Protein backbone atom coordinates (compact mmCIF):
# COMPACT_ATOMS: atom_id res chain seq x y z
CA MET A 1 -150.04 211.52 49.61
CA GLU A 2 -147.27 214.00 48.81
CA VAL A 3 -143.80 212.75 49.74
CA ALA A 4 -141.66 215.26 51.60
CA ALA A 5 -138.39 216.24 49.96
CA PRO A 6 -135.32 214.83 51.71
CA ALA A 7 -133.76 217.09 54.31
CA PHE A 8 -130.10 217.85 53.65
CA PRO A 9 -127.75 219.41 56.21
CA GLY A 10 -126.94 223.08 55.83
CA TRP A 11 -123.46 224.52 55.46
CA ASP A 12 -121.36 224.90 58.59
CA ARG A 13 -121.66 228.51 59.75
CA ASN A 14 -118.90 228.19 62.36
CA ILE A 15 -116.18 228.79 59.82
CA ARG A 16 -112.59 228.63 61.03
CA ALA A 17 -109.41 229.62 59.23
CA PRO A 18 -107.48 226.89 57.40
CA ALA A 19 -104.09 225.93 58.83
CA PRO A 20 -101.97 227.33 57.36
CA LEU A 21 -103.76 230.20 55.67
CA PRO A 22 -103.78 230.06 51.88
CA PRO A 23 -101.54 232.57 50.09
CA ASP A 24 -102.80 236.09 49.42
CA GLY A 25 -104.65 236.32 46.14
CA SER A 26 -106.18 232.86 46.50
CA CYS A 27 -109.33 232.17 44.48
CA ASP A 28 -112.34 230.00 45.23
CA CYS A 29 -113.16 229.03 41.65
CA GLN A 30 -116.66 227.72 42.34
CA PHE A 31 -119.33 228.77 44.76
CA HIS A 32 -123.06 229.22 44.26
CA ILE A 33 -125.39 231.93 45.49
CA TYR A 34 -129.13 231.83 46.12
CA GLY A 35 -131.75 234.48 46.73
CA ASP A 36 -135.28 235.07 47.96
CA ALA A 37 -137.43 232.45 46.22
CA GLN A 38 -140.24 234.98 45.85
CA VAL A 39 -137.96 237.24 43.82
CA TYR A 40 -135.76 234.61 42.20
CA PRO A 41 -137.84 231.44 41.87
CA PRO A 42 -136.23 228.20 40.71
CA LYS A 43 -137.30 226.65 37.45
CA GLN A 44 -140.15 224.16 37.46
CA GLY A 45 -138.88 220.66 38.25
CA ALA A 46 -135.50 221.89 39.51
CA LEU A 47 -133.11 219.22 40.78
CA TYR A 48 -133.17 220.79 44.24
CA ASP A 49 -134.72 223.71 46.09
CA PRO A 50 -132.44 226.73 46.58
CA PRO A 51 -130.93 226.65 50.08
CA ASP A 52 -130.12 229.55 52.39
CA GLY A 53 -126.83 230.75 50.96
CA ARG A 54 -126.53 234.40 49.97
CA PHE A 55 -123.62 236.20 48.35
CA GLU A 56 -123.08 238.16 51.57
CA ASP A 57 -122.71 234.88 53.48
CA MET A 58 -119.95 233.73 51.17
CA ARG A 59 -118.15 237.05 51.47
CA ARG A 60 -117.85 236.38 55.20
CA VAL A 61 -116.67 232.82 54.60
CA HIS A 62 -113.98 234.01 52.20
CA ALA A 63 -112.81 236.71 54.59
CA LYS A 64 -112.40 234.14 57.36
CA MET A 65 -110.45 231.79 55.09
CA ASN A 66 -108.20 234.43 53.43
CA PHE A 67 -109.64 234.05 49.95
CA GLN A 68 -109.63 237.40 48.17
CA ARG A 69 -110.96 236.20 44.82
CA GLY A 70 -114.01 234.17 43.90
CA VAL A 71 -116.01 232.84 40.97
CA ILE A 72 -119.80 232.68 41.24
CA VAL A 73 -121.13 229.69 39.31
CA HIS A 74 -124.76 230.21 38.31
CA ALA A 75 -126.79 227.57 40.13
CA MET A 76 -128.77 224.87 38.30
CA PRO A 77 -132.19 225.64 39.85
CA TYR A 78 -132.23 229.00 38.06
CA ASP A 79 -131.34 227.49 34.68
CA THR A 80 -131.02 230.37 32.18
CA ASP A 81 -132.72 232.93 34.44
CA HIS A 82 -129.68 235.04 35.30
CA ARG A 83 -131.47 237.80 37.21
CA LEU A 84 -129.90 236.95 40.57
CA LEU A 85 -126.43 236.81 39.04
CA ILE A 86 -126.95 240.08 37.15
CA ASP A 87 -128.39 241.87 40.18
CA THR A 88 -125.57 240.63 42.43
CA LEU A 89 -122.80 241.67 40.06
CA SER A 90 -124.46 244.99 39.21
CA ALA A 91 -124.67 245.92 42.90
CA LEU A 92 -120.90 245.61 43.43
CA ASP A 93 -118.90 248.80 43.53
CA ASP A 94 -115.75 246.86 42.71
CA ARG A 95 -115.74 243.65 40.68
CA THR A 96 -111.95 243.40 40.50
CA ASN A 97 -111.82 240.15 42.46
CA ILE A 98 -115.13 238.59 41.38
CA ARG A 99 -115.85 236.65 38.22
CA ALA A 100 -118.81 234.47 37.27
CA ILE A 101 -119.96 231.54 35.16
CA ALA A 102 -123.34 231.58 33.38
CA ILE A 103 -125.52 229.00 31.62
CA ILE A 104 -126.00 229.18 27.85
CA LYS A 105 -128.91 227.62 26.00
CA ASP A 106 -130.72 228.63 22.83
CA ASN A 107 -133.12 230.86 24.75
CA VAL A 108 -130.33 233.14 26.03
CA SER A 109 -130.05 236.12 23.70
CA ASP A 110 -126.82 237.60 22.39
CA LYS A 111 -127.77 240.83 24.18
CA GLU A 112 -127.91 239.00 27.52
CA LEU A 113 -124.56 237.34 26.86
CA ASP A 114 -123.02 240.76 26.20
CA LYS A 115 -124.56 242.08 29.43
CA LEU A 116 -123.19 239.14 31.42
CA LYS A 117 -119.74 239.55 29.90
CA SER A 118 -119.70 243.25 30.80
CA LEU A 119 -120.36 242.30 34.44
CA GLY A 120 -117.49 239.84 34.71
CA VAL A 121 -118.85 236.55 33.41
CA VAL A 122 -115.98 234.61 31.81
CA GLY A 123 -117.40 231.15 31.18
CA ALA A 124 -120.47 229.00 30.61
CA ARG A 125 -121.37 225.88 32.54
CA PHE A 126 -122.86 222.86 30.83
CA ASN A 127 -124.76 220.50 33.14
CA ILE A 128 -124.68 217.42 30.95
CA GLY A 129 -126.45 214.14 31.53
CA SER A 130 -129.70 212.66 32.77
CA TYR A 131 -128.56 212.86 36.40
CA TYR A 132 -128.89 216.65 36.25
CA LYS A 133 -132.32 216.45 34.60
CA GLU A 134 -130.87 217.88 31.43
CA ALA A 135 -132.15 216.45 28.18
CA GLN A 136 -130.52 218.72 25.62
CA PRO A 137 -129.76 217.09 22.28
CA PRO A 138 -126.09 217.07 21.26
CA GLU A 139 -126.62 219.70 18.57
CA ALA A 140 -128.08 222.13 21.12
CA ILE A 141 -125.08 221.63 23.40
CA LEU A 142 -122.79 222.14 20.43
CA ARG A 143 -124.48 225.41 19.48
CA SER A 144 -124.13 226.74 23.02
CA ILE A 145 -120.47 225.75 23.33
CA GLU A 146 -119.81 227.48 20.01
CA ARG A 147 -121.48 230.66 21.33
CA ALA A 148 -119.29 230.51 24.42
CA ARG A 149 -116.24 230.25 22.18
CA GLU A 150 -117.38 233.18 20.06
CA ILE A 151 -117.76 235.49 23.07
CA GLY A 152 -114.37 234.45 24.45
CA TRP A 153 -115.54 232.33 27.39
CA HIS A 154 -114.34 228.96 28.60
CA ALA A 155 -116.65 225.96 28.99
CA ARG A 156 -117.25 224.34 32.38
CA ILE A 157 -118.23 220.69 31.94
CA HIS A 158 -120.39 219.34 34.76
CA VAL A 159 -121.00 215.69 34.05
CA ALA A 160 -121.49 212.63 36.23
CA GLY A 161 -118.48 210.35 35.83
CA HIS A 162 -118.57 207.94 32.92
CA HIS A 163 -121.32 209.90 31.16
CA ILE A 164 -118.58 212.13 29.77
CA HIS A 165 -117.82 209.40 27.22
CA GLU A 166 -121.31 209.84 25.76
CA HIS A 167 -120.47 213.47 24.95
CA ALA A 168 -116.83 213.09 23.95
CA ASP A 169 -117.62 213.53 20.26
CA VAL A 170 -119.56 216.75 20.83
CA LEU A 171 -116.84 218.16 23.08
CA SER A 172 -114.18 217.42 20.48
CA ARG A 173 -116.02 219.24 17.70
CA VAL A 174 -115.59 222.79 19.01
CA LYS A 175 -112.00 223.91 18.60
CA ASP A 176 -110.19 226.83 20.23
CA ILE A 177 -112.14 226.75 23.48
CA THR A 178 -110.85 225.94 26.94
CA TYR A 179 -112.64 223.09 28.72
CA VAL A 180 -112.71 222.91 32.51
CA VAL A 181 -114.05 219.71 34.10
CA ASP A 182 -115.86 220.20 37.40
CA HIS A 183 -115.44 218.22 40.61
CA LEU A 184 -112.65 215.75 39.81
CA GLY A 185 -114.76 214.58 36.88
CA HIS A 186 -117.17 212.93 39.33
CA VAL A 187 -115.15 209.75 38.97
CA ASP A 188 -115.98 206.70 41.07
CA PHE A 189 -113.04 206.26 43.45
CA ALA A 190 -113.94 202.59 43.91
CA GLU A 191 -113.10 201.95 40.24
CA GLY A 192 -109.49 203.00 40.80
CA LEU A 193 -107.00 205.12 38.92
CA ASN A 194 -107.07 202.92 35.83
CA SER A 195 -110.79 203.19 35.10
CA PRO A 196 -111.77 204.18 31.54
CA THR A 197 -113.13 207.52 32.78
CA MET A 198 -109.96 208.35 34.66
CA LYS A 199 -107.79 207.41 31.68
CA PHE A 200 -109.95 209.56 29.40
CA LEU A 201 -109.67 212.58 31.68
CA ILE A 202 -105.92 212.22 32.20
CA ASP A 203 -105.49 212.07 28.41
CA ARG A 204 -107.56 215.23 28.00
CA LEU A 205 -105.44 217.01 30.59
CA LYS A 206 -102.11 215.89 29.18
CA ASN A 207 -102.78 216.04 25.47
CA HIS A 208 -105.76 218.30 24.79
CA GLY A 209 -105.24 221.30 27.07
CA TRP A 210 -108.20 220.64 29.35
CA TRP A 211 -108.39 221.93 32.93
CA MET A 212 -109.58 220.18 36.10
CA MET A 213 -111.38 221.51 39.17
CA LEU A 214 -110.00 219.83 42.31
CA SER A 215 -113.29 220.11 44.16
CA ASN A 216 -115.80 217.83 45.88
CA GLY A 217 -113.32 215.16 46.94
CA ALA A 218 -115.12 214.99 50.28
CA ARG A 219 -118.48 214.58 48.55
CA LEU A 220 -117.24 211.80 46.26
CA SER A 221 -115.42 210.01 49.06
CA ALA A 222 -116.82 206.92 50.75
CA MET A 223 -115.52 208.33 54.04
CA THR A 224 -117.13 210.74 56.50
CA ASP A 225 -113.83 212.22 57.68
CA ASP A 226 -110.33 212.70 56.26
CA TRP A 227 -111.41 211.53 52.77
CA ASP A 228 -108.16 209.68 52.09
CA ASP A 229 -109.62 207.96 49.02
CA ALA A 230 -109.87 211.30 47.16
CA VAL A 231 -106.17 212.15 47.46
CA PRO A 232 -104.62 209.85 44.82
CA PHE A 233 -107.11 210.97 42.17
CA ALA A 234 -106.48 214.67 42.73
CA LYS A 235 -102.73 214.04 42.78
CA ALA A 236 -102.99 212.26 39.42
CA TYR A 237 -104.72 215.28 37.91
CA ILE A 238 -102.13 217.66 39.33
CA GLU A 239 -99.31 215.53 37.97
CA ALA A 240 -100.97 215.52 34.54
CA ALA A 241 -101.53 219.30 34.39
CA PRO A 242 -100.09 221.33 37.28
CA ASP A 243 -100.67 224.57 35.34
CA ARG A 244 -104.27 223.69 34.48
CA THR A 245 -105.73 222.69 37.82
CA ILE A 246 -107.83 224.94 40.04
CA TRP A 247 -109.76 224.55 43.28
CA GLY A 248 -113.29 225.45 44.33
CA SER A 249 -115.30 225.05 47.52
CA ASP A 250 -118.66 224.31 45.82
CA TRP A 251 -120.27 226.17 48.74
CA PRO A 252 -122.96 225.84 50.11
CA HIS A 253 -122.80 222.09 49.35
CA VAL A 254 -126.36 221.45 48.22
CA ARG A 255 -127.83 217.95 48.45
CA TRP A 256 -125.10 216.86 50.87
CA ARG A 257 -125.87 213.22 51.66
CA LYS A 258 -123.32 212.44 54.37
CA SER A 259 -124.08 212.59 58.07
CA ARG A 260 -121.56 215.36 58.72
CA MET A 261 -121.13 218.61 56.83
CA PRO A 262 -117.44 219.56 56.65
CA ASN A 263 -116.16 222.94 57.65
CA GLU A 264 -114.88 224.97 54.71
CA ALA A 265 -111.41 225.02 56.27
CA GLU A 266 -111.29 221.21 56.17
CA LEU A 267 -111.84 221.30 52.41
CA VAL A 268 -108.93 223.70 51.95
CA GLU A 269 -106.76 221.47 54.12
CA LEU A 270 -107.78 218.45 52.03
CA PHE A 271 -106.57 220.34 48.97
CA TYR A 272 -103.21 220.95 50.72
CA ARG A 273 -102.84 217.16 50.89
CA TYR A 274 -103.48 216.93 47.14
CA ALA A 275 -100.52 219.25 46.66
CA ASP A 276 -98.32 217.49 49.25
CA HIS A 277 -98.30 220.76 51.24
CA ASP A 278 -95.93 222.19 48.62
CA ARG A 279 -96.33 225.96 49.06
CA GLU A 280 -95.17 226.77 45.54
CA LEU A 281 -97.65 224.31 44.05
CA ILE A 282 -100.43 225.53 46.34
CA ARG A 283 -99.80 229.09 45.15
CA ARG A 284 -99.86 227.98 41.55
CA ILE A 285 -103.23 226.25 41.91
CA LEU A 286 -104.93 228.77 44.21
CA VAL A 287 -103.50 232.00 42.77
CA ASP A 288 -101.69 231.78 39.44
CA ASN A 289 -103.82 229.29 37.52
CA PRO A 290 -107.18 230.91 38.46
CA ALA A 291 -105.82 234.35 37.57
CA ARG A 292 -104.86 233.14 34.11
CA LEU A 293 -108.14 231.33 33.49
CA HIS A 294 -110.49 234.03 34.80
CA GLY A 295 -108.59 237.17 33.85
CA PHE A 296 -107.82 238.50 37.32
């Protein structure tokens, strides 16, 4: 008998404005978009089925929250099929405030990379580790990171917690590329600030020029509300690299396993706590740092 896929809650459509509003020019550095499955089917064996979350939906969310800039991160179910991303970017009359992140593997041609770059793609995401159903050998990952470097993109590293150690050698072999670690490094908050993974990431931020995405604290938290356990970890990253931290919503929060889906405004307000409500620091992380990284 076929087992039904687990039902995950959808994103909260009753979006409110954060209090206070973020500064003008703020950037959501990671959100995903999905399309009609008949037109843009997911790859076979995808980690999850594409949810109902269109680019137009996120435009409305950003308008409500006073985010003028955004970065579309190509979603895992589509793998290297970039048609939805290309069609979405091509349809925009003005791409001044939109950038995007693609996926590079050996089957992506140089011609496609050039096309993506012309449309505002500025980085490549690497979903590394068995958790993401990725089984690329290290040499394949290395080739793709090198291609990202050659085209002038940065590398987004999406890896589940301690698995980053397994790829540390590969990541150290490509020079002159900017690495951005997604989602607080997916560290286990229960292991504390002195865990080997946390120490590794802090060293990379302080001494190797890496960047950190201050996203998904609510997802990683053991709590349903407030998410106090996320705050010290994000603060540690900010202290290590205040000029190389950015924030992203990770909308529409696929595979959300908690009983309550947070409102987008709550996630912005959680970030304010990371920054101790310091308006200058908030501006740096929401406006200045993303502009420098993504070329706004």
